[in-house]
Amino acid sequence: GSHTYVQYKLHISSDGSTPPFADIIIPGNPTTFR
């Protein structure tokens, strides 16, 4: 519990027009993965 190396953000549309997805962020890495 002392460190977190990976973060993710959920994207959910309220009207269901787009399927849900998550953006995965690794601090120190400029690339975001989906």
PDB file of all heavy atoms in Angstrom:
ATOM      1  N   GLY A   1       0.784  -1.227   0.000  1.00  0.00           N
ATOM      2  CA  GLY A   1       0.000   0.000   0.000  1.00  0.00           C
ATOM      3  C   GLY A   1       0.811   1.269   0.000  1.00  0.00           C
ATOM      4  O   GLY A   1       0.264   2.362   0.158  1.00  0.00           O
ATOM      5  N   SER A   2       2.118   1.155  -0.182  1.00  0.00           N
ATOM      6  CA  SER A   2       2.944   2.359  -0.134  1.00  0.00           C
ATOM      7  C   SER A   2       3.104   3.040  -1.487  1.00  0.00           C
ATOM      8  O   SER A   2       3.437   4.214  -1.543  1.00  0.00           O
ATOM      9  CB  SER A   2       4.320   2.023   0.447  1.00  0.00           C
ATOM     10  OG  SER A   2       4.995   1.096  -0.375  1.00  0.00           O
ATOM     11  N   HIS A   3       2.881   2.307  -2.590  1.00  0.00           N
ATOM     12  CA  HIS A   3       3.050   2.877  -3.929  1.00  0.00           C
ATOM     13  C   HIS A   3       1.952   2.376  -4.863  1.00  0.00           C
ATOM     14  O   HIS A   3       1.456   1.270  -4.703  1.00  0.00           O
ATOM     15  CB  HIS A   3       4.397   2.473  -4.534  1.00  0.00           C
ATOM     16  CG  HIS A   3       5.574   3.085  -3.853  1.00  0.00           C
ATOM     17  ND1 HIS A   3       6.040   2.647  -2.644  1.00  0.00           N
ATOM     18  CD2 HIS A   3       6.381   4.100  -4.233  1.00  0.00           C
ATOM     19  CE1 HIS A   3       7.092   3.365  -2.296  1.00  0.00           C
ATOM     20  NE2 HIS A   3       7.322   4.265  -3.248  1.00  0.00           N
ATOM     21  N   THR A   4       1.621   3.198  -5.854  1.00  0.00           N
ATOM     22  CA  THR A   4       0.736   2.802  -6.944  1.00  0.00           C
ATOM     23  C   THR A   4       1.447   3.159  -8.238  1.00  0.00           C
ATOM     24  O   THR A   4       1.793   4.317  -8.457  1.00  0.00           O
ATOM     25  CB  THR A   4      -0.619   3.533  -6.869  1.00  0.00           C
ATOM     26  OG1 THR A   4      -1.227   3.213  -5.618  1.00  0.00           O
ATOM     27  CG2 THR A   4      -1.534   3.119  -7.985  1.00  0.00           C
ATOM     28  N   TYR A   5       1.662   2.168  -9.085  1.00  0.00           N
ATOM     29  CA  TYR A   5       2.436   2.375 -10.302  1.00  0.00           C
ATOM     30  C   TYR A   5       1.589   2.434 -11.565  1.00  0.00           C
ATOM     31  O   TYR A   5       2.073   2.842 -12.600  1.00  0.00           O
ATOM     32  CB  TYR A   5       3.472   1.253 -10.454  1.00  0.00           C
ATOM     33  CG  TYR A   5       4.496   1.251  -9.346  1.00  0.00           C
ATOM     34  CD1 TYR A   5       4.341   0.428  -8.240  1.00  0.00           C
ATOM     35  CD2 TYR A   5       5.602   2.083  -9.395  1.00  0.00           C
ATOM     36  CE1 TYR A   5       5.279   0.433  -7.217  1.00  0.00           C
ATOM     37  CE2 TYR A   5       6.532   2.093  -8.386  1.00  0.00           C
ATOM     38  CZ  TYR A   5       6.364   1.267  -7.297  1.00  0.00           C
ATOM     39  OH  TYR A   5       7.285   1.277  -6.276  1.00  0.00           O
ATOM     40  N   VAL A   6       0.350   2.002 -11.489  1.00  0.00           N
ATOM     41  CA  VAL A   6      -0.525   1.975 -12.656  1.00  0.00           C
ATOM     42  C   VAL A   6      -1.867   2.568 -12.259  1.00  0.00           C
ATOM     43  O   VAL A   6      -2.386   2.272 -11.186  1.00  0.00           O
ATOM     44  CB  VAL A   6      -0.741   0.523 -13.166  1.00  0.00           C
ATOM     45  CG1 VAL A   6      -1.582   0.520 -14.418  1.00  0.00           C
ATOM     46  CG2 VAL A   6       0.578  -0.162 -13.409  1.00  0.00           C
ATOM     47  N   GLN A   7      -2.411   3.411 -13.125  1.00  0.00           N
ATOM     48  CA  GLN A   7      -3.720   4.011 -12.885  1.00  0.00           C
ATOM     49  C   GLN A   7      -4.600   3.740 -14.085  1.00  0.00           C
ATOM     50  O   GLN A   7      -4.103   3.574 -15.204  1.00  0.00           O
ATOM     51  CB  GLN A   7      -3.583   5.514 -12.680  1.00  0.00           C
ATOM     52  CG  GLN A   7      -2.681   5.881 -11.534  1.00  0.00           C
ATOM     53  CD  GLN A   7      -2.304   7.359 -11.566  1.00  0.00           C
ATOM     54  OE1 GLN A   7      -2.555   8.054 -12.526  1.00  0.00           O
ATOM     55  NE2 GLN A   7      -1.682   7.815 -10.496  1.00  0.00           N
ATOM     56  N   TYR A   8      -5.897   3.683 -13.860  1.00  0.00           N
ATOM     57  CA  TYR A   8      -6.819   3.547 -14.980  1.00  0.00           C
ATOM     58  C   TYR A   8      -8.030   4.427 -14.758  1.00  0.00           C
ATOM     59  O   TYR A   8      -8.381   4.741 -13.627  1.00  0.00           O
ATOM     60  CB  TYR A   8      -7.218   2.081 -15.210  1.00  0.00           C
ATOM     61  CG  TYR A   8      -8.060   1.460 -14.125  1.00  0.00           C
ATOM     62  CD1 TYR A   8      -9.443   1.437 -14.223  1.00  0.00           C
ATOM     63  CD2 TYR A   8      -7.478   0.874 -13.012  1.00  0.00           C
ATOM     64  CE1 TYR A   8     -10.222   0.853 -13.243  1.00  0.00           C
ATOM     65  CE2 TYR A   8      -8.246   0.281 -12.039  1.00  0.00           C
ATOM     66  CZ  TYR A   8      -9.618   0.275 -12.156  1.00  0.00           C
ATOM     67  OH  TYR A   8     -10.387  -0.305 -11.179  1.00  0.00           O
ATOM     68  N   LYS A   9      -8.619   4.837 -15.858  1.00  0.00           N
ATOM     69  CA  LYS A   9      -9.793   5.709 -15.824  1.00  0.00           C
ATOM     70  C   LYS A   9     -10.875   5.067 -16.684  1.00  0.00           C
ATOM     71  O   LYS A   9     -10.658   4.796 -17.864  1.00  0.00           O
ATOM     72  CB  LYS A   9      -9.442   7.095 -16.348  1.00  0.00           C
ATOM     73  CG  LYS A   9     -10.576   8.070 -16.255  1.00  0.00           C
ATOM     74  CD  LYS A   9     -10.157   9.459 -16.679  1.00  0.00           C
ATOM     75  CE  LYS A   9     -11.325  10.408 -16.558  1.00  0.00           C
ATOM     76  NZ  LYS A   9     -10.964  11.740 -17.002  1.00  0.00           N
ATOM     77  N   LEU A  10     -12.020   4.819 -16.081  1.00  0.00           N
ATOM     78  CA  LEU A  10     -13.144   4.225 -16.804  1.00  0.00           C
ATOM     79  C   LEU A  10     -13.899   5.293 -17.577  1.00  0.00           C
ATOM     80  O   LEU A  10     -14.096   6.403 -17.072  1.00  0.00           O
ATOM     81  CB  LEU A  10     -14.105   3.548 -15.828  1.00  0.00           C
ATOM     82  CG  LEU A  10     -13.563   2.371 -15.039  1.00  0.00           C
ATOM     83  CD1 LEU A  10     -14.599   1.903 -14.030  1.00  0.00           C
ATOM     84  CD2 LEU A  10     -13.186   1.243 -15.960  1.00  0.00           C
ATOM     85  N   HIS A  11     -14.322   4.960 -18.775  1.00  0.00           N
ATOM     86  CA  HIS A  11     -15.137   5.844 -19.604  1.00  0.00           C
ATOM     87  C   HIS A  11     -16.426   5.099 -19.935  1.00  0.00           C
ATOM     88  O   HIS A  11     -16.402   4.113 -20.670  1.00  0.00           O
ATOM     89  CB  HIS A  11     -14.400   6.219 -20.892  1.00  0.00           C
ATOM     90  CG  HIS A  11     -13.151   7.002 -20.648  1.00  0.00           C
ATOM     91  ND1 HIS A  11     -13.137   8.365 -20.496  1.00  0.00           N
ATOM     92  CD2 HIS A  11     -11.861   6.599 -20.498  1.00  0.00           C
ATOM     93  CE1 HIS A  11     -11.910   8.771 -20.285  1.00  0.00           C
ATOM     94  NE2 HIS A  11     -11.109   7.718 -20.279  1.00  0.00           N
ATOM     95  N   ILE A  12     -17.526   5.584 -19.369  1.00  0.00           N
ATOM     96  CA  ILE A  12     -18.814   4.938 -19.562  1.00  0.00           C
ATOM     97  C   ILE A  12     -19.788   6.003 -20.045  1.00  0.00           C
ATOM     98  O   ILE A  12     -19.972   7.027 -19.388  1.00  0.00           O
ATOM     99  CB  ILE A  12     -19.325   4.337 -18.246  1.00  0.00           C
ATOM    100  CG1 ILE A  12     -18.264   3.388 -17.669  1.00  0.00           C
ATOM    101  CG2 ILE A  12     -20.642   3.615 -18.446  1.00  0.00           C
ATOM    102  CD1 ILE A  12     -18.470   3.055 -16.227  1.00  0.00           C
ATOM    103  N   SER A  13     -20.412   5.762 -21.200  1.00  0.00           N
ATOM    104  CA  SER A  13     -21.363   6.744 -21.716  1.00  0.00           C
ATOM    105  C   SER A  13     -22.700   6.559 -21.005  1.00  0.00           C
ATOM    106  O   SER A  13     -23.134   5.441 -20.743  1.00  0.00           O
ATOM    107  CB  SER A  13     -21.537   6.603 -23.229  1.00  0.00           C
ATOM    108  OG  SER A  13     -22.119   5.368 -23.534  1.00  0.00           O
ATOM    109  N   SER A  14     -23.335   7.660 -20.688  1.00  0.00           N
ATOM    110  CA  SER A  14     -24.600   7.603 -19.958  1.00  0.00           C
ATOM    111  C   SER A  14     -25.749   7.109 -20.834  1.00  0.00           C
ATOM    112  O   SER A  14     -26.698   6.508 -20.341  1.00  0.00           O
ATOM    113  CB  SER A  14     -24.945   8.976 -19.385  1.00  0.00           C
ATOM    114  OG  SER A  14     -25.020   9.917 -20.431  1.00  0.00           O
ATOM    115  N   ASP A  15     -25.645   7.341 -22.137  1.00  0.00           N
ATOM    116  CA  ASP A  15     -26.736   6.923 -23.026  1.00  0.00           C
ATOM    117  C   ASP A  15     -26.465   5.589 -23.713  1.00  0.00           C
ATOM    118  O   ASP A  15     -27.300   5.076 -24.443  1.00  0.00           O
ATOM    119  CB  ASP A  15     -27.005   7.993 -24.082  1.00  0.00           C
ATOM    120  CG  ASP A  15     -25.781   8.297 -24.935  1.00  0.00           C
ATOM    121  OD1 ASP A  15     -24.729   7.681 -24.701  1.00  0.00           O
ATOM    122  OD2 ASP A  15     -25.895   9.145 -25.826  1.00  0.00           O
ATOM    123  N   GLY A  16     -25.306   5.003 -23.478  1.00  0.00           N
ATOM    124  CA  GLY A  16     -24.974   3.696 -24.043  1.00  0.00           C
ATOM    125  C   GLY A  16     -24.606   3.723 -25.515  1.00  0.00           C
ATOM    126  O   GLY A  16     -24.592   2.695 -26.169  1.00  0.00           O
ATOM    127  N   SER A  17     -24.308   4.901 -26.049  1.00  0.00           N
ATOM    128  CA  SER A  17     -23.984   5.012 -27.471  1.00  0.00           C
ATOM    129  C   SER A  17     -22.608   4.433 -27.808  1.00  0.00           C
ATOM    130  O   SER A  17     -22.383   3.963 -28.912  1.00  0.00           O
ATOM    131  CB  SER A  17     -24.061   6.467 -27.926  1.00  0.00           C
ATOM    132  OG  SER A  17     -23.127   7.239 -27.207  1.00  0.00           O
ATOM    133  N   THR A  18     -21.694   4.482 -26.863  1.00  0.00           N
ATOM    134  CA  THR A  18     -20.368   3.901 -27.087  1.00  0.00           C
ATOM    135  C   THR A  18     -20.116   2.847 -26.018  1.00  0.00           C
ATOM    136  O   THR A  18     -20.520   3.012 -24.867  1.00  0.00           O
ATOM    137  CB  THR A  18     -19.257   4.968 -27.017  1.00  0.00           C
ATOM    138  OG1 THR A  18     -19.293   5.583 -25.724  1.00  0.00           O
ATOM    139  CG2 THR A  18     -19.420   6.018 -28.079  1.00  0.00           C
ATOM    140  N   PRO A  19     -19.447   1.773 -26.373  1.00  0.00           N
ATOM    141  CA  PRO A  19     -19.153   0.743 -25.371  1.00  0.00           C
ATOM    142  C   PRO A  19     -18.158   1.272 -24.336  1.00  0.00           C
ATOM    143  O   PRO A  19     -17.328   2.128 -24.642  1.00  0.00           O
ATOM    144  CB  PRO A  19     -18.555  -0.397 -26.190  1.00  0.00           C
ATOM    145  CG  PRO A  19     -18.127   0.210 -27.474  1.00  0.00           C
ATOM    146  CD  PRO A  19     -18.972   1.415 -27.701  1.00  0.00           C
ATOM    147  N   PRO A  20     -18.225   0.768 -23.112  1.00  0.00           N
ATOM    148  CA  PRO A  20     -17.292   1.243 -22.082  1.00  0.00           C
ATOM    149  C   PRO A  20     -15.860   0.832 -22.393  1.00  0.00           C
ATOM    150  O   PRO A  20     -15.609  -0.213 -23.003  1.00  0.00           O
ATOM    151  CB  PRO A  20     -17.798   0.567 -20.807  1.00  0.00           C
ATOM    152  CG  PRO A  20     -18.631  -0.572 -21.248  1.00  0.00           C
ATOM    153  CD  PRO A  20     -19.156  -0.232 -22.604  1.00  0.00           C
ATOM    154  N   PHE A  21     -14.923   1.671 -21.969  1.00  0.00           N
ATOM    155  CA  PHE A  21     -13.507   1.382 -22.136  1.00  0.00           C
ATOM    156  C   PHE A  21     -12.740   2.017 -20.994  1.00  0.00           C
ATOM    157  O   PHE A  21     -13.284   2.820 -20.227  1.00  0.00           O
ATOM    158  CB  PHE A  21     -12.988   1.869 -23.491  1.00  0.00           C
ATOM    159  CG  PHE A  21     -13.069   3.355 -23.699  1.00  0.00           C
ATOM    160  CD1 PHE A  21     -12.016   4.172 -23.337  1.00  0.00           C
ATOM    161  CD2 PHE A  21     -14.198   3.933 -24.254  1.00  0.00           C
ATOM    162  CE1 PHE A  21     -12.079   5.545 -23.527  1.00  0.00           C
ATOM    163  CE2 PHE A  21     -14.274   5.307 -24.446  1.00  0.00           C
ATOM    164  CZ  PHE A  21     -13.210   6.111 -24.079  1.00  0.00           C
ATOM    165  N   ALA A  22     -11.481   1.626 -20.869  1.00  0.00           N
ATOM    166  CA  ALA A  22     -10.618   2.168 -19.823  1.00  0.00           C
ATOM    167  C   ALA A  22      -9.315   2.629 -20.439  1.00  0.00           C
ATOM    168  O   ALA A  22      -8.759   1.964 -21.313  1.00  0.00           O
ATOM    169  CB  ALA A  22     -10.345   1.126 -18.759  1.00  0.00           C
ATOM    170  N   ASP A  23      -8.853   3.790 -19.991  1.00  0.00           N
ATOM    171  CA  ASP A  23      -7.526   4.271 -20.350  1.00  0.00           C
ATOM    172  C   ASP A  23      -6.579   3.901 -19.218  1.00  0.00           C
ATOM    173  O   ASP A  23      -6.856   4.184 -18.050  1.00  0.00           O
ATOM    174  CB  ASP A  23      -7.531   5.789 -20.546  1.00  0.00           C
ATOM    175  CG  ASP A  23      -8.173   6.202 -21.845  1.00  0.00           C
ATOM    176  OD1 ASP A  23      -8.196   5.397 -22.786  1.00  0.00           O
ATOM    177  OD2 ASP A  23      -8.671   7.340 -21.921  1.00  0.00           O
ATOM    178  N   ILE A  24      -5.485   3.251 -19.554  1.00  0.00           N
ATOM    179  CA  ILE A  24      -4.512   2.792 -18.565  1.00  0.00           C
ATOM    180  C   ILE A  24      -3.270   3.666 -18.669  1.00  0.00           C
ATOM    181  O   ILE A  24      -2.692   3.817 -19.742  1.00  0.00           O
ATOM    182  CB  ILE A  24      -4.169   1.306 -18.794  1.00  0.00           C
ATOM    183  CG1 ILE A  24      -5.445   0.482 -18.644  1.00  0.00           C
ATOM    184  CG2 ILE A  24      -3.082   0.847 -17.833  1.00  0.00           C
ATOM    185  CD1 ILE A  24      -5.310  -0.945 -19.074  1.00  0.00           C
ATOM    186  N   ILE A  25      -2.879   4.243 -17.542  1.00  0.00           N
ATOM    187  CA  ILE A  25      -1.771   5.190 -17.497  1.00  0.00           C
ATOM    188  C   ILE A  25      -0.689   4.631 -16.585  1.00  0.00           C
ATOM    189  O   ILE A  25      -0.966   4.234 -15.455  1.00  0.00           O
ATOM    190  CB  ILE A  25      -2.247   6.555 -16.971  1.00  0.00           C
ATOM    191  CG1 ILE A  25      -3.371   7.079 -17.869  1.00  0.00           C
ATOM    192  CG2 ILE A  25      -1.107   7.545 -16.882  1.00  0.00           C
ATOM    193  CD1 ILE A  25      -4.459   7.764 -17.122  1.00  0.00           C
ATOM    194  N   ILE A  26       0.530   4.611 -17.092  1.00  0.00           N
ATOM    195  CA  ILE A  26       1.681   4.203 -16.300  1.00  0.00           C
ATOM    196  C   ILE A  26       2.522   5.459 -16.107  1.00  0.00           C
ATOM    197  O   ILE A  26       3.092   5.966 -17.077  1.00  0.00           O
ATOM    198  CB  ILE A  26       2.485   3.103 -17.010  1.00  0.00           C
ATOM    199  CG1 ILE A  26       1.587   1.913 -17.321  1.00  0.00           C
ATOM    200  CG2 ILE A  26       3.680   2.686 -16.159  1.00  0.00           C
ATOM    201  CD1 ILE A  26       2.213   0.892 -18.232  1.00  0.00           C
ATOM    202  N   PRO A  27       2.580   6.007 -14.892  1.00  0.00           N
ATOM    203  CA  PRO A  27       3.372   7.220 -14.677  1.00  0.00           C
ATOM    204  C   PRO A  27       4.819   7.018 -15.127  1.00  0.00           C
ATOM    205  O   PRO A  27       5.417   5.977 -14.900  1.00  0.00           O
ATOM    206  CB  PRO A  27       3.290   7.433 -13.169  1.00  0.00           C
ATOM    207  CG  PRO A  27       2.011   6.765 -12.780  1.00  0.00           C
ATOM    208  CD  PRO A  27       1.903   5.568 -13.686  1.00  0.00           C
ATOM    209  N   GLY A  28       5.346   8.015 -15.821  1.00  0.00           N
ATOM    210  CA  GLY A  28       6.694   7.924 -16.362  1.00  0.00           C
ATOM    211  C   GLY A  28       6.712   7.413 -17.791  1.00  0.00           C
ATOM    212  O   GLY A  28       7.724   7.492 -18.462  1.00  0.00           O
ATOM    213  N   ASN A  29       5.591   6.881 -18.250  1.00  0.00           N
ATOM    214  CA  ASN A  29       5.478   6.396 -19.625  1.00  0.00           C
ATOM    215  C   ASN A  29       4.516   7.334 -20.349  1.00  0.00           C
ATOM    216  O   ASN A  29       3.368   7.475 -19.933  1.00  0.00           O
ATOM    217  CB  ASN A  29       4.941   4.958 -19.625  1.00  0.00           C
ATOM    218  CG  ASN A  29       4.963   4.325 -20.990  1.00  0.00           C
ATOM    219  OD1 ASN A  29       4.951   5.001 -22.005  1.00  0.00           O
ATOM    220  ND2 ASN A  29       4.974   3.012 -21.009  1.00  0.00           N
ATOM    221  N   PRO A  30       4.950   7.988 -21.416  1.00  0.00           N
ATOM    222  CA  PRO A  30       4.085   8.962 -22.085  1.00  0.00           C
ATOM    223  C   PRO A  30       2.913   8.335 -22.839  1.00  0.00           C
ATOM    224  O   PRO A  30       2.001   9.038 -23.253  1.00  0.00           O
ATOM    225  CB  PRO A  30       5.035   9.663 -23.062  1.00  0.00           C
ATOM    226  CG  PRO A  30       6.090   8.663 -23.324  1.00  0.00           C
ATOM    227  CD  PRO A  30       6.257   7.881 -22.053  1.00  0.00           C
ATOM    228  N   THR A  31       2.907   7.033 -22.992  1.00  0.00           N
ATOM    229  CA  THR A  31       1.876   6.358 -23.759  1.00  0.00           C
ATOM    230  C   THR A  31       0.707   5.966 -22.869  1.00  0.00           C
ATOM    231  O   THR A  31       0.895   5.471 -21.762  1.00  0.00           O
ATOM    232  CB  THR A  31       2.461   5.092 -24.414  1.00  0.00           C
ATOM    233  OG1 THR A  31       3.635   5.455 -25.128  1.00  0.00           O
ATOM    234  CG2 THR A  31       1.476   4.465 -25.371  1.00  0.00           C
ATOM    235  N   THR A  32      -0.511   6.193 -23.364  1.00  0.00           N
ATOM    236  CA  THR A  32      -1.724   5.742 -22.695  1.00  0.00           C
ATOM    237  C   THR A  32      -2.257   4.550 -23.468  1.00  0.00           C
ATOM    238  O   THR A  32      -2.283   4.559 -24.691  1.00  0.00           O
ATOM    239  CB  THR A  32      -2.779   6.868 -22.671  1.00  0.00           C
ATOM    240  OG1 THR A  32      -2.230   7.996 -22.019  1.00  0.00           O
ATOM    241  CG2 THR A  32      -4.023   6.428 -21.936  1.00  0.00           C
ATOM    242  N   PHE A  33      -2.689   3.531 -22.739  1.00  0.00           N
ATOM    243  CA  PHE A  33      -3.202   2.319 -23.363  1.00  0.00           C
ATOM    244  C   PHE A  33      -4.702   2.235 -23.123  1.00  0.00           C
ATOM    245  O   PHE A  33      -5.202   2.709 -22.105  1.00  0.00           O
ATOM    246  CB  PHE A  33      -2.502   1.084 -22.786  1.00  0.00           C
ATOM    247  CG  PHE A  33      -1.014   1.125 -22.974  1.00  0.00           C
ATOM    248  CD1 PHE A  33      -0.189   1.687 -22.024  1.00  0.00           C
ATOM    249  CD2 PHE A  33      -0.442   0.631 -24.132  1.00  0.00           C
ATOM    250  CE1 PHE A  33       1.181   1.744 -22.196  1.00  0.00           C
ATOM    251  CE2 PHE A  33       0.932   0.679 -24.325  1.00  0.00           C
ATOM    252  CZ  PHE A  33       1.737   1.243 -23.358  1.00  0.00           C
ATOM    253  N   ARG A  34      -5.429   1.634 -24.065  1.00  0.00           N
ATOM    254  CA  ARG A  34      -6.884   1.565 -23.981  1.00  0.00           C
ATOM    255  C   ARG A  34      -7.345   0.127 -24.160  1.00  0.00           C
ATOM    256  O   ARG A  34      -6.860  -0.589 -25.037  1.00  0.00           O
ATOM    257  CB  ARG A  34      -7.512   2.447 -25.052  1.00  0.00           C
ATOM    258  CG  ARG A  34      -9.034   2.472 -25.003  1.00  0.00           C
ATOM    259  CD  ARG A  34      -9.588   3.503 -25.939  1.00  0.00           C
ATOM    260  NE  ARG A  34      -9.396   4.808 -25.320  1.00  0.00           N
ATOM    261  CZ  ARG A  34      -9.813   5.945 -25.844  1.00  0.00           C
ATOM    262  NH1 ARG A  34     -10.410   5.964 -27.013  1.00  0.00           N
ATOM    263  NH2 ARG A  34      -9.606   7.084 -25.218  1.00  0.00           N
TER     264      ARG A  34
END
